[in-house]
């Protein structure tokens, strides 16, 4: 579960709920953290891409 101090962490759940185990399972089924779609989202979250 997310903590208030992690709200600005792009890797933290935006809703600060217990989604992490489910998200990781879905990501694994999709092909892992390095698939192009997830890489693109992470670049946007890190401010490297608009």
Protein backbone atom coordinates (compact mmCIF):
# COMPACT_ATOMS: atom_id res chain seq x y z
CA UNK A 1 0.00 0.00 0.00
CA UNK A 2 1.30 3.42 -0.88
CA UNK A 3 2.34 6.03 1.62
CA UNK A 4 1.50 9.71 1.47
CA UNK A 5 5.17 10.57 1.02
CA UNK A 6 5.35 8.41 -2.11
CA UNK A 7 2.64 10.31 -3.98
CA UNK A 8 5.20 11.98 -6.26
CA UNK A 9 6.98 8.69 -7.01
CA UNK A 10 5.98 7.70 -10.57
CA UNK A 11 6.43 4.04 -9.64
CA UNK A 12 3.89 4.28 -6.82
CA UNK A 13 0.23 3.53 -7.42
CA UNK A 14 -1.55 6.84 -8.20
CA UNK A 15 -4.52 5.83 -6.07
CA UNK A 16 -2.21 4.73 -3.23
CA UNK A 17 -3.99 1.38 -2.98
CA UNK A 18 -2.84 -2.23 -2.82
CA UNK A 19 -2.64 -2.70 -6.58
CA UNK A 20 1.04 -3.61 -6.83
CA UNK A 21 0.76 -7.44 -6.74
CA UNK A 22 -1.95 -7.36 -9.39
CA UNK A 23 -0.14 -4.89 -11.60
CA UNK A 24 3.07 -6.94 -11.52
CA UNK A 25 1.17 -10.11 -12.45
CA UNK A 26 -0.47 -8.36 -15.40
CA UNK A 27 2.85 -6.85 -16.53
CA UNK A 28 4.45 -10.30 -16.43
CA UNK A 29 1.63 -11.72 -18.56
CA UNK A 30 2.07 -8.89 -21.08
CA UNK A 31 5.76 -9.62 -21.48
CA UNK A 32 7.56 -7.78 -18.70
CA UNK A 33 8.61 -4.27 -17.80
CA UNK A 34 10.67 -3.72 -20.94
CA UNK A 35 7.97 -4.04 -23.60
CA UNK A 36 7.67 -0.86 -25.75
CA UNK A 37 4.31 0.21 -24.34
CA UNK A 38 5.48 0.10 -20.73
CA UNK A 39 8.79 1.73 -21.60
CA UNK A 40 6.88 4.60 -23.26
CA UNK A 41 4.66 5.08 -20.19
CA UNK A 42 7.68 5.11 -17.88
CA UNK A 43 9.35 7.76 -20.07
CA UNK A 44 6.27 9.97 -19.79
CA UNK A 45 6.12 9.44 -16.01
CA UNK A 46 9.78 10.39 -15.69
CA UNK A 47 9.22 13.54 -17.74
CA UNK A 48 11.47 12.45 -20.60
CA UNK A 49 8.63 12.36 -23.11
CA UNK A 50 5.44 14.36 -23.55
